[in-house]
Amino acid sequence: MGSKTSLDDRHRSGLPPLPALLMACLSLAACNHVPSQNLLGSFFPSWMLCVLIGIPTALLVRLVLVKAGVDDAVPAKLPVYSALAIAVTFGLWLVLFGN
């Protein structure tokens, strides 16, 4: 028997199998572009800018609904306004930064 290590020896040593290593390397190879925006010399992720717009938009919609008297008819306020903020955030990100 020579000094070659077999696949069984590799599994016993705790190393991941070769196909798993190859898949990890290939999946990480496309992570070379980060969508970020320069704000006052500091780079912020694009989604963070969209969140900073989405949350105040949901709060503004809530204020409009309170003034209109419709807010009392909203069944579950926290999930509804959270979903509204998330929808505005995702929609804004898709329109501004989606390719």
N, C-alpha and C. Protein backbone atom coordinates (compact mmCIF):
# COMPACT_ATOMS: atom_id res chain seq x y z
N MET A 1 0.83 -1.17 0.00
CA MET A 1 0.00 0.00 0.00
C MET A 1 0.89 1.24 0.00
N GLY A 2 0.56 2.20 -0.82
CA GLY A 2 1.38 3.39 -0.97
C GLY A 2 0.95 4.50 -0.03
N SER A 3 1.43 5.68 -0.32
CA SER A 3 1.11 6.84 0.52
C SER A 3 -0.08 7.61 -0.02
N LYS A 4 -0.77 7.06 -1.02
CA LYS A 4 -1.95 7.74 -1.55
C LYS A 4 -3.09 7.69 -0.54
N THR A 5 -3.84 8.78 -0.49
CA THR A 5 -5.02 8.79 0.38
C THR A 5 -6.24 8.52 -0.48
N SER A 6 -7.06 7.67 -0.03
CA SER A 6 -8.28 7.36 -0.77
C SER A 6 -9.40 8.30 -0.32
N LEU A 7 -10.53 8.20 -1.00
CA LEU A 7 -11.68 9.04 -0.62
C LEU A 7 -12.18 8.67 0.76
N ASP A 8 -12.07 7.37 1.13
CA ASP A 8 -12.51 6.98 2.46
C ASP A 8 -11.65 7.63 3.53
N ASP A 9 -10.33 7.73 3.28
CA ASP A 9 -9.45 8.39 4.24
C ASP A 9 -9.79 9.88 4.35
N ARG A 10 -10.17 10.50 3.24
CA ARG A 10 -10.52 11.92 3.26
C ARG A 10 -11.78 12.14 4.08
N HIS A 11 -12.78 11.24 3.95
CA HIS A 11 -14.00 11.38 4.73
C HIS A 11 -13.72 11.18 6.21
N ARG A 12 -12.83 10.28 6.55
CA ARG A 12 -12.50 10.04 7.95
C ARG A 12 -11.72 11.20 8.55
N SER A 13 -11.00 11.93 7.73
CA SER A 13 -10.19 13.03 8.26
C SER A 13 -11.00 14.29 8.50
N GLY A 14 -12.25 14.32 8.09
CA GLY A 14 -13.10 15.48 8.33
C GLY A 14 -13.11 16.47 7.18
N LEU A 15 -12.37 16.21 6.11
CA LEU A 15 -12.39 17.11 4.96
C LEU A 15 -13.64 16.85 4.13
N PRO A 16 -14.25 17.91 3.58
CA PRO A 16 -15.42 17.70 2.74
C PRO A 16 -15.02 17.02 1.43
N PRO A 17 -15.96 16.31 0.81
CA PRO A 17 -15.65 15.66 -0.46
C PRO A 17 -15.35 16.68 -1.55
N LEU A 18 -14.63 16.25 -2.56
CA LEU A 18 -14.20 17.13 -3.64
C LEU A 18 -15.36 17.81 -4.37
N PRO A 19 -16.48 17.12 -4.70
CA PRO A 19 -17.58 17.84 -5.36
C PRO A 19 -18.15 18.99 -4.52
N ALA A 20 -18.19 18.80 -3.20
CA ALA A 20 -18.69 19.88 -2.34
C ALA A 20 -17.75 21.07 -2.36
N LEU A 21 -16.47 20.82 -2.38
CA LEU A 21 -15.50 21.91 -2.47
C LEU A 21 -15.61 22.65 -3.80
N LEU A 22 -15.78 21.90 -4.87
CA LEU A 22 -15.92 22.53 -6.19
C LEU A 22 -17.19 23.38 -6.27
N MET A 23 -18.31 22.88 -5.74
CA MET A 23 -19.55 23.63 -5.76
C MET A 23 -19.44 24.91 -4.93
N ALA A 24 -18.77 24.84 -3.80
CA ALA A 24 -18.58 26.03 -2.97
C ALA A 24 -17.75 27.07 -3.70
N CYS A 25 -16.70 26.63 -4.37
CA CYS A 25 -15.85 27.57 -5.11
C CYS A 25 -16.59 28.20 -6.28
N LEU A 26 -17.39 27.39 -6.99
CA LEU A 26 -18.13 27.92 -8.14
C LEU A 26 -19.25 28.86 -7.71
N SER A 27 -19.88 28.58 -6.58
CA SER A 27 -20.98 29.45 -6.15
C SER A 27 -20.45 30.78 -5.62
N LEU A 28 -19.25 30.82 -5.10
CA LEU A 28 -18.68 32.06 -4.59
C LEU A 28 -17.97 32.87 -5.66
N ALA A 29 -17.78 32.29 -6.82
CA ALA A 29 -17.03 32.98 -7.88
C ALA A 29 -17.81 34.17 -8.44
N ALA A 30 -19.13 34.17 -8.33
CA ALA A 30 -19.93 35.25 -8.90
C ALA A 30 -20.12 36.42 -7.94
N CYS A 31 -19.58 36.35 -6.76
CA CYS A 31 -19.77 37.40 -5.76
C CYS A 31 -18.70 38.48 -5.90
N ASN A 32 -18.64 39.10 -7.07
CA ASN A 32 -17.61 40.12 -7.26
C ASN A 32 -18.18 41.53 -7.36
N HIS A 33 -19.50 41.68 -7.41
CA HIS A 33 -20.10 43.01 -7.52
C HIS A 33 -21.05 43.23 -6.35
N VAL A 34 -20.82 44.28 -5.61
CA VAL A 34 -21.69 44.63 -4.50
C VAL A 34 -22.43 45.90 -4.88
N PRO A 35 -23.76 45.85 -4.97
CA PRO A 35 -24.49 47.07 -5.32
C PRO A 35 -24.49 48.05 -4.15
N SER A 36 -23.62 49.03 -4.22
CA SER A 36 -23.53 50.02 -3.14
C SER A 36 -23.54 51.42 -3.74
N GLN A 37 -23.94 52.37 -2.91
CA GLN A 37 -24.06 53.75 -3.33
C GLN A 37 -23.16 54.61 -2.46
N ASN A 38 -22.53 55.60 -3.06
CA ASN A 38 -21.65 56.51 -2.34
C ASN A 38 -22.48 57.65 -1.77
N LEU A 39 -22.55 57.72 -0.44
CA LEU A 39 -23.25 58.80 0.25
C LEU A 39 -22.27 59.51 1.17
N LEU A 40 -21.95 60.73 0.86
CA LEU A 40 -21.05 61.55 1.66
C LEU A 40 -19.72 60.85 1.91
N GLY A 41 -19.21 60.16 0.90
CA GLY A 41 -17.92 59.50 1.00
C GLY A 41 -17.95 58.13 1.64
N SER A 42 -19.12 57.65 2.01
CA SER A 42 -19.23 56.33 2.63
C SER A 42 -20.14 55.47 1.77
N PHE A 43 -19.76 54.23 1.56
CA PHE A 43 -20.54 53.34 0.71
C PHE A 43 -21.57 52.57 1.53
N PHE A 44 -22.82 52.66 1.11
CA PHE A 44 -23.91 51.95 1.76
C PHE A 44 -24.48 50.94 0.78
N PRO A 45 -24.92 49.78 1.29
CA PRO A 45 -25.60 48.83 0.40
C PRO A 45 -26.89 49.46 -0.14
N SER A 46 -27.21 49.11 -1.36
CA SER A 46 -28.40 49.69 -2.00
C SER A 46 -29.68 49.35 -1.26
N TRP A 47 -29.76 48.13 -0.72
CA TRP A 47 -30.98 47.75 -0.02
C TRP A 47 -31.19 48.60 1.23
N MET A 48 -30.09 49.05 1.84
CA MET A 48 -30.22 49.87 3.04
C MET A 48 -30.83 51.23 2.71
N LEU A 49 -30.45 51.77 1.56
CA LEU A 49 -31.05 53.03 1.13
C LEU A 49 -32.54 52.85 0.86
N CYS A 50 -32.90 51.72 0.27
CA CYS A 50 -34.31 51.46 -0.02
C CYS A 50 -35.11 51.28 1.27
N VAL A 51 -34.51 50.66 2.30
CA VAL A 51 -35.19 50.50 3.58
C VAL A 51 -35.40 51.87 4.23
N LEU A 52 -34.39 52.74 4.10
CA LEU A 52 -34.52 54.08 4.68
C LEU A 52 -35.60 54.90 3.99
N ILE A 53 -36.00 54.51 2.82
CA ILE A 53 -37.11 55.18 2.13
C ILE A 53 -38.42 54.42 2.38
N GLY A 54 -38.36 53.09 2.44
CA GLY A 54 -39.56 52.26 2.59
C GLY A 54 -40.26 52.42 3.93
N ILE A 55 -39.50 52.50 5.01
CA ILE A 55 -40.11 52.62 6.34
C ILE A 55 -40.82 53.96 6.52
N PRO A 56 -40.18 55.09 6.19
CA PRO A 56 -40.94 56.36 6.30
C PRO A 56 -42.14 56.42 5.36
N THR A 57 -42.05 55.76 4.22
CA THR A 57 -43.20 55.73 3.31
C THR A 57 -44.37 55.00 3.95
N ALA A 58 -44.10 53.87 4.61
CA ALA A 58 -45.16 53.13 5.30
C ALA A 58 -45.74 53.95 6.45
N LEU A 59 -44.88 54.67 7.16
CA LEU A 59 -45.38 55.54 8.23
C LEU A 59 -46.24 56.68 7.68
N LEU A 60 -45.84 57.21 6.54
CA LEU A 60 -46.62 58.27 5.90
C LEU A 60 -47.98 57.74 5.45
N VAL A 61 -48.01 56.54 4.89
CA VAL A 61 -49.28 55.93 4.49
C VAL A 61 -50.17 55.72 5.72
N ARG A 62 -49.58 55.30 6.83
CA ARG A 62 -50.37 55.12 8.06
C ARG A 62 -50.96 56.44 8.52
N LEU A 63 -50.17 57.52 8.47
CA LEU A 63 -50.69 58.83 8.87
C LEU A 63 -51.85 59.27 7.97
N VAL A 64 -51.72 59.01 6.68
CA VAL A 64 -52.80 59.37 5.75
C VAL A 64 -54.05 58.56 6.07
N LEU A 65 -53.88 57.26 6.37
CA LEU A 65 -55.04 56.43 6.70
C LEU A 65 -55.67 56.83 8.03
N VAL A 66 -54.87 57.28 8.99
CA VAL A 66 -55.42 57.77 10.26
C VAL A 66 -56.23 59.03 10.03
N LYS A 67 -55.68 59.95 9.23
CA LYS A 67 -56.40 61.20 8.93
C LYS A 67 -57.70 60.93 8.17
N ALA A 68 -57.67 59.89 7.30
CA ALA A 68 -58.87 59.57 6.53
C ALA A 68 -59.87 58.75 7.35
N GLY A 69 -59.47 58.25 8.53
CA GLY A 69 -60.37 57.47 9.36
C GLY A 69 -60.45 56.01 8.95
N VAL A 70 -59.57 55.56 8.11
CA VAL A 70 -59.60 54.19 7.61
C VAL A 70 -58.70 53.26 8.44
N ASP A 71 -57.82 53.83 9.25
CA ASP A 71 -56.86 53.03 10.01
C ASP A 71 -57.53 52.08 10.98
N ASP A 72 -58.70 52.44 11.49
CA ASP A 72 -59.42 51.56 12.43
C ASP A 72 -59.91 50.28 11.74
N ALA A 73 -60.05 50.31 10.44
CA ALA A 73 -60.53 49.14 9.70
C ALA A 73 -59.41 48.16 9.35
N VAL A 74 -58.19 48.54 9.57
CA VAL A 74 -57.06 47.64 9.28
C VAL A 74 -57.04 46.57 10.36
N PRO A 75 -57.13 45.27 9.97
CA PRO A 75 -57.29 44.22 10.97
C PRO A 75 -56.06 43.98 11.85
N ALA A 76 -54.92 43.80 11.27
CA ALA A 76 -53.68 43.53 12.02
C ALA A 76 -52.67 44.60 11.61
N LYS A 77 -52.61 45.64 12.39
CA LYS A 77 -51.85 46.81 11.97
C LYS A 77 -50.35 46.54 11.80
N LEU A 78 -49.72 45.87 12.76
CA LEU A 78 -48.29 45.64 12.68
C LEU A 78 -47.90 44.81 11.45
N PRO A 79 -48.53 43.67 11.19
CA PRO A 79 -48.15 42.92 9.98
C PRO A 79 -48.47 43.66 8.68
N VAL A 80 -49.57 44.39 8.67
CA VAL A 80 -49.97 45.09 7.44
C VAL A 80 -48.99 46.22 7.13
N TYR A 81 -48.64 47.02 8.11
CA TYR A 81 -47.72 48.13 7.85
C TYR A 81 -46.28 47.65 7.65
N SER A 82 -45.93 46.55 8.31
CA SER A 82 -44.61 45.95 8.06
C SER A 82 -44.53 45.42 6.63
N ALA A 83 -45.58 44.75 6.19
CA ALA A 83 -45.61 44.25 4.82
C ALA A 83 -45.60 45.39 3.81
N LEU A 84 -46.26 46.48 4.14
CA LEU A 84 -46.23 47.64 3.26
C LEU A 84 -44.83 48.22 3.15
N ALA A 85 -44.13 48.33 4.28
CA ALA A 85 -42.75 48.84 4.26
C ALA A 85 -41.84 47.91 3.45
N ILE A 86 -42.02 46.61 3.62
CA ILE A 86 -41.21 45.64 2.87
C ILE A 86 -41.53 45.70 1.39
N ALA A 87 -42.79 45.83 1.05
CA ALA A 87 -43.18 45.91 -0.37
C ALA A 87 -42.62 47.16 -1.03
N VAL A 88 -42.68 48.28 -0.33
CA VAL A 88 -42.12 49.51 -0.87
C VAL A 88 -40.61 49.38 -1.02
N THR A 89 -39.95 48.78 -0.03
CA THR A 89 -38.51 48.59 -0.08
C THR A 89 -38.11 47.72 -1.26
N PHE A 90 -38.75 46.56 -1.41
CA PHE A 90 -38.42 45.66 -2.51
C PHE A 90 -38.75 46.26 -3.87
N GLY A 91 -39.88 46.93 -3.95
CA GLY A 91 -40.26 47.55 -5.21
C GLY A 91 -39.30 48.66 -5.62
N LEU A 92 -38.91 49.46 -4.66
CA LEU A 92 -37.96 50.54 -4.93
C LEU A 92 -36.61 49.98 -5.35
N TRP A 93 -36.16 48.93 -4.64
CA TRP A 93 -34.88 48.33 -5.01
C TRP A 93 -34.93 47.72 -6.40
N LEU A 94 -36.05 47.09 -6.73
CA LEU A 94 -36.19 46.48 -8.05
C LEU A 94 -36.21 47.53 -9.15
N VAL A 95 -36.90 48.63 -8.92
CA VAL A 95 -37.00 49.67 -9.94
C VAL A 95 -35.66 50.42 -10.10
N LEU A 96 -35.02 50.73 -8.99
CA LEU A 96 -33.80 51.53 -9.06
C LEU A 96 -32.54 50.73 -9.34
N PHE A 97 -32.43 49.52 -8.78
CA PHE A 97 -31.17 48.80 -8.85
C PHE A 97 -31.27 47.44 -9.52
N GLY A 98 -32.45 46.98 -9.85
CA GLY A 98 -32.59 45.69 -10.53
C GLY A 98 -32.19 45.81 -11.99
N ASN A 99 -31.58 44.75 -12.48
CA ASN A 99 -31.13 44.80 -13.89
C ASN A 99 -32.08 44.08 -14.77
